[in-house]
Amino acid sequence: MDRSHVALATLALMLAAAPARAQQPIEMKVGLAALVNTALPLHLAEAGGFYAKQGLKVTIVDAGGGTRGGRARLRPASCR
């Protein structure tokens, strides 16, 4: 074996032996313009733990429609 093969084998062993770290879930917000039945799958997925299994932390918020939703979209995230 030449040096490159030894280095690759060593790296592979190190990665395989490294303990798996729990990753922080990715946070995201989903804004709904209105409470409608077509958004039901979003709520069912949250209640069923689908987002958590995929490494997501989803917050479903009522963004409101029309002017209220437009204003919320223009504000910085720190003000919401």
N, C-alpha and C. Protein backbone atom coordinates (compact mmCIF):
# COMPACT_ATOMS: atom_id res chain seq x y z
N MET A 1 0.84 -1.20 0.00
CA MET A 1 0.00 0.00 0.00
C MET A 1 0.87 1.24 0.00
N ASP A 2 0.51 2.20 -0.79
CA ASP A 2 1.27 3.45 -0.77
C ASP A 2 0.67 4.39 0.28
N ARG A 3 1.30 5.51 0.47
CA ARG A 3 0.90 6.45 1.53
C ARG A 3 -0.53 6.98 1.38
N SER A 4 -0.97 7.21 0.16
CA SER A 4 -2.32 7.75 -0.03
C SER A 4 -3.38 6.74 0.41
N HIS A 5 -3.13 5.45 0.15
CA HIS A 5 -4.07 4.42 0.59
C HIS A 5 -4.09 4.32 2.10
N VAL A 6 -2.93 4.42 2.72
CA VAL A 6 -2.85 4.36 4.18
C VAL A 6 -3.57 5.57 4.79
N ALA A 7 -3.37 6.74 4.20
CA ALA A 7 -4.03 7.94 4.72
C ALA A 7 -5.54 7.83 4.58
N LEU A 8 -6.03 7.33 3.45
CA LEU A 8 -7.46 7.17 3.25
C LEU A 8 -8.05 6.14 4.21
N ALA A 9 -7.35 5.05 4.41
CA ALA A 9 -7.82 4.02 5.34
C ALA A 9 -7.86 4.55 6.76
N THR A 10 -6.86 5.32 7.15
CA THR A 10 -6.83 5.91 8.48
C THR A 10 -7.98 6.89 8.66
N LEU A 11 -8.21 7.74 7.66
CA LEU A 11 -9.31 8.70 7.72
C LEU A 11 -10.66 7.99 7.82
N ALA A 12 -10.83 6.92 7.06
CA ALA A 12 -12.09 6.17 7.10
C ALA A 12 -12.32 5.57 8.49
N LEU A 13 -11.28 5.04 9.09
CA LEU A 13 -11.41 4.47 10.44
C LEU A 13 -11.73 5.54 11.47
N MET A 14 -11.10 6.70 11.33
CA MET A 14 -11.37 7.79 12.27
C MET A 14 -12.82 8.26 12.17
N LEU A 15 -13.32 8.40 10.95
CA LEU A 15 -14.70 8.85 10.76
C LEU A 15 -15.70 7.81 11.25
N ALA A 16 -15.38 6.54 11.04
CA ALA A 16 -16.28 5.47 11.48
C ALA A 16 -16.32 5.37 13.00
N ALA A 17 -15.21 5.66 13.64
CA ALA A 17 -15.13 5.54 15.09
C ALA A 17 -15.63 6.78 15.81
N ALA A 18 -15.78 7.88 15.11
CA ALA A 18 -16.22 9.12 15.76
C ALA A 18 -17.67 8.98 16.21
N PRO A 19 -17.98 9.42 17.42
CA PRO A 19 -19.36 9.33 17.90
C PRO A 19 -20.27 10.26 17.10
N ALA A 20 -21.47 9.80 16.86
CA ALA A 20 -22.44 10.62 16.12
C ALA A 20 -22.94 11.73 17.05
N ARG A 21 -22.99 12.92 16.52
CA ARG A 21 -23.47 14.05 17.30
C ARG A 21 -24.90 14.37 16.89
N ALA A 22 -25.70 14.68 17.87
CA ALA A 22 -27.08 15.09 17.57
C ALA A 22 -27.05 16.49 16.98
N GLN A 23 -27.66 16.63 15.82
CA GLN A 23 -27.70 17.94 15.19
C GLN A 23 -28.90 18.72 15.70
N GLN A 24 -28.74 20.02 15.75
CA GLN A 24 -29.84 20.89 16.14
C GLN A 24 -30.84 20.93 15.00
N PRO A 25 -32.14 20.91 15.33
CA PRO A 25 -33.13 20.97 14.25
C PRO A 25 -33.08 22.32 13.54
N ILE A 26 -33.41 22.30 12.27
CA ILE A 26 -33.48 23.53 11.48
C ILE A 26 -34.81 24.19 11.77
N GLU A 27 -34.78 25.43 12.20
CA GLU A 27 -36.00 26.14 12.54
C GLU A 27 -36.54 26.88 11.33
N MET A 28 -37.85 26.79 11.14
CA MET A 28 -38.49 27.54 10.06
C MET A 28 -39.92 27.87 10.45
N LYS A 29 -40.41 28.96 9.88
CA LYS A 29 -41.79 29.37 10.10
C LYS A 29 -42.55 29.24 8.80
N VAL A 30 -43.77 28.74 8.91
CA VAL A 30 -44.67 28.63 7.77
C VAL A 30 -45.85 29.54 8.06
N GLY A 31 -46.02 30.55 7.22
CA GLY A 31 -47.11 31.50 7.42
C GLY A 31 -48.32 31.14 6.58
N LEU A 32 -49.46 31.13 7.22
CA LEU A 32 -50.72 30.86 6.53
C LEU A 32 -51.51 32.16 6.43
N ALA A 33 -52.04 32.45 5.25
CA ALA A 33 -52.82 33.67 5.05
C ALA A 33 -54.19 33.55 5.70
N ALA A 34 -54.71 32.37 5.80
CA ALA A 34 -56.02 32.15 6.41
C ALA A 34 -56.08 30.73 6.94
N LEU A 35 -56.94 30.50 7.90
CA LEU A 35 -57.13 29.16 8.43
C LEU A 35 -58.11 28.43 7.52
N VAL A 36 -57.56 27.63 6.62
CA VAL A 36 -58.36 26.91 5.64
C VAL A 36 -58.07 25.42 5.73
N ASN A 37 -58.99 24.62 5.22
CA ASN A 37 -58.81 23.17 5.32
C ASN A 37 -57.68 22.64 4.43
N THR A 38 -57.25 23.40 3.44
CA THR A 38 -56.15 22.94 2.60
C THR A 38 -54.82 22.96 3.34
N ALA A 39 -54.76 23.63 4.48
CA ALA A 39 -53.55 23.67 5.29
C ALA A 39 -53.52 22.54 6.31
N LEU A 40 -54.55 21.71 6.33
CA LEU A 40 -54.64 20.63 7.30
C LEU A 40 -53.42 19.69 7.27
N PRO A 41 -52.89 19.32 6.10
CA PRO A 41 -51.70 18.45 6.10
C PRO A 41 -50.50 19.05 6.85
N LEU A 42 -50.37 20.37 6.84
CA LEU A 42 -49.28 20.99 7.60
C LEU A 42 -49.42 20.71 9.09
N HIS A 43 -50.65 20.86 9.59
CA HIS A 43 -50.91 20.62 11.01
C HIS A 43 -50.81 19.14 11.37
N LEU A 44 -51.29 18.27 10.48
CA LEU A 44 -51.21 16.84 10.74
C LEU A 44 -49.76 16.36 10.75
N ALA A 45 -48.94 16.90 9.87
CA ALA A 45 -47.52 16.52 9.83
C ALA A 45 -46.83 16.96 11.12
N GLU A 46 -47.19 18.13 11.61
CA GLU A 46 -46.61 18.60 12.87
C GLU A 46 -47.05 17.72 14.03
N ALA A 47 -48.35 17.43 14.11
CA ALA A 47 -48.87 16.60 15.19
C ALA A 47 -48.32 15.18 15.13
N GLY A 48 -48.08 14.67 13.94
CA GLY A 48 -47.56 13.32 13.78
C GLY A 48 -46.06 13.19 13.94
N GLY A 49 -45.38 14.31 14.16
CA GLY A 49 -43.93 14.27 14.37
C GLY A 49 -43.11 14.16 13.10
N PHE A 50 -43.73 14.38 11.94
CA PHE A 50 -43.02 14.26 10.67
C PHE A 50 -41.86 15.25 10.58
N TYR A 51 -42.10 16.49 10.95
CA TYR A 51 -41.05 17.51 10.85
C TYR A 51 -39.87 17.16 11.75
N ALA A 52 -40.14 16.75 12.97
CA ALA A 52 -39.07 16.40 13.90
C ALA A 52 -38.24 15.24 13.37
N LYS A 53 -38.89 14.26 12.76
CA LYS A 53 -38.16 13.11 12.20
C LYS A 53 -37.24 13.54 11.07
N GLN A 54 -37.58 14.62 10.39
CA GLN A 54 -36.77 15.12 9.29
C GLN A 54 -35.75 16.16 9.74
N GLY A 55 -35.65 16.40 11.06
CA GLY A 55 -34.69 17.35 11.59
C GLY A 55 -35.13 18.80 11.46
N LEU A 56 -36.45 19.02 11.48
CA LEU A 56 -36.99 20.36 11.34
C LEU A 56 -37.80 20.75 12.57
N LYS A 57 -37.75 22.01 12.90
CA LYS A 57 -38.62 22.57 13.95
C LYS A 57 -39.48 23.61 13.24
N VAL A 58 -40.70 23.22 12.89
CA VAL A 58 -41.58 24.08 12.10
C VAL A 58 -42.59 24.75 13.02
N THR A 59 -42.72 26.05 12.87
CA THR A 59 -43.73 26.82 13.57
C THR A 59 -44.73 27.33 12.54
N ILE A 60 -45.99 26.98 12.73
CA ILE A 60 -47.03 27.43 11.81
C ILE A 60 -47.67 28.67 12.42
N VAL A 61 -47.61 29.77 11.69
CA VAL A 61 -48.12 31.04 12.20
C VAL A 61 -49.23 31.57 11.29
N ASP A 62 -50.14 32.31 11.91
CA ASP A 62 -51.20 32.96 11.16
C ASP A 62 -50.64 34.29 10.66
N ALA A 63 -50.30 34.36 9.39
CA ALA A 63 -49.72 35.58 8.82
C ALA A 63 -50.81 36.59 8.48
N GLY A 64 -52.03 36.15 8.41
CA GLY A 64 -53.10 37.05 8.03
C GLY A 64 -53.02 37.36 6.55
N GLY A 65 -54.12 37.69 5.98
CA GLY A 65 -54.12 38.00 4.56
C GLY A 65 -54.12 39.50 4.33
N GLY A 66 -54.06 39.89 3.10
CA GLY A 66 -54.16 41.30 2.73
C GLY A 66 -53.08 42.16 3.32
N THR A 67 -53.47 43.31 3.83
CA THR A 67 -52.52 44.30 4.36
C THR A 67 -51.72 43.77 5.53
N ARG A 68 -52.37 43.06 6.43
CA ARG A 68 -51.68 42.53 7.62
C ARG A 68 -50.56 41.58 7.21
N GLY A 69 -50.82 40.70 6.28
CA GLY A 69 -49.79 39.77 5.82
C GLY A 69 -48.66 40.47 5.10
N GLY A 70 -48.97 41.50 4.33
CA GLY A 70 -47.94 42.27 3.64
C GLY A 70 -47.03 43.00 4.60
N ARG A 71 -47.61 43.57 5.63
CA ARG A 71 -46.79 44.27 6.64
C ARG A 71 -45.88 43.30 7.37
N ALA A 72 -46.41 42.15 7.73
CA ALA A 72 -45.60 41.15 8.44
C ALA A 72 -44.44 40.70 7.58
N ARG A 73 -44.65 40.64 6.28
CA ARG A 73 -43.60 40.21 5.36
C ARG A 73 -42.50 41.25 5.24
N LEU A 74 -42.83 42.51 5.41
CA LEU A 74 -41.84 43.58 5.25
C LEU A 74 -41.03 43.85 6.51
N ARG A 75 -41.55 43.46 7.68
CA ARG A 75 -40.83 43.69 8.93
C ARG A 75 -39.65 42.74 9.05
N PRO A 76 -38.57 43.22 9.68
CA PRO A 76 -37.43 42.32 9.95
C PRO A 76 -37.85 41.19 10.88
N ALA A 77 -37.21 40.06 10.79
CA ALA A 77 -37.56 38.90 11.61
C ALA A 77 -37.45 39.20 13.10
N SER A 78 -36.55 40.09 13.49
CA SER A 78 -36.36 40.41 14.91
C SER A 78 -37.56 41.16 15.48
N CYS A 79 -38.40 41.76 14.64
CA CYS A 79 -39.56 42.52 15.11
C CYS A 79 -40.84 41.71 15.10
N ARG A 80 -40.80 40.49 14.61
CA ARG A 80 -42.02 39.69 14.49
C ARG A 80 -42.35 39.00 15.77
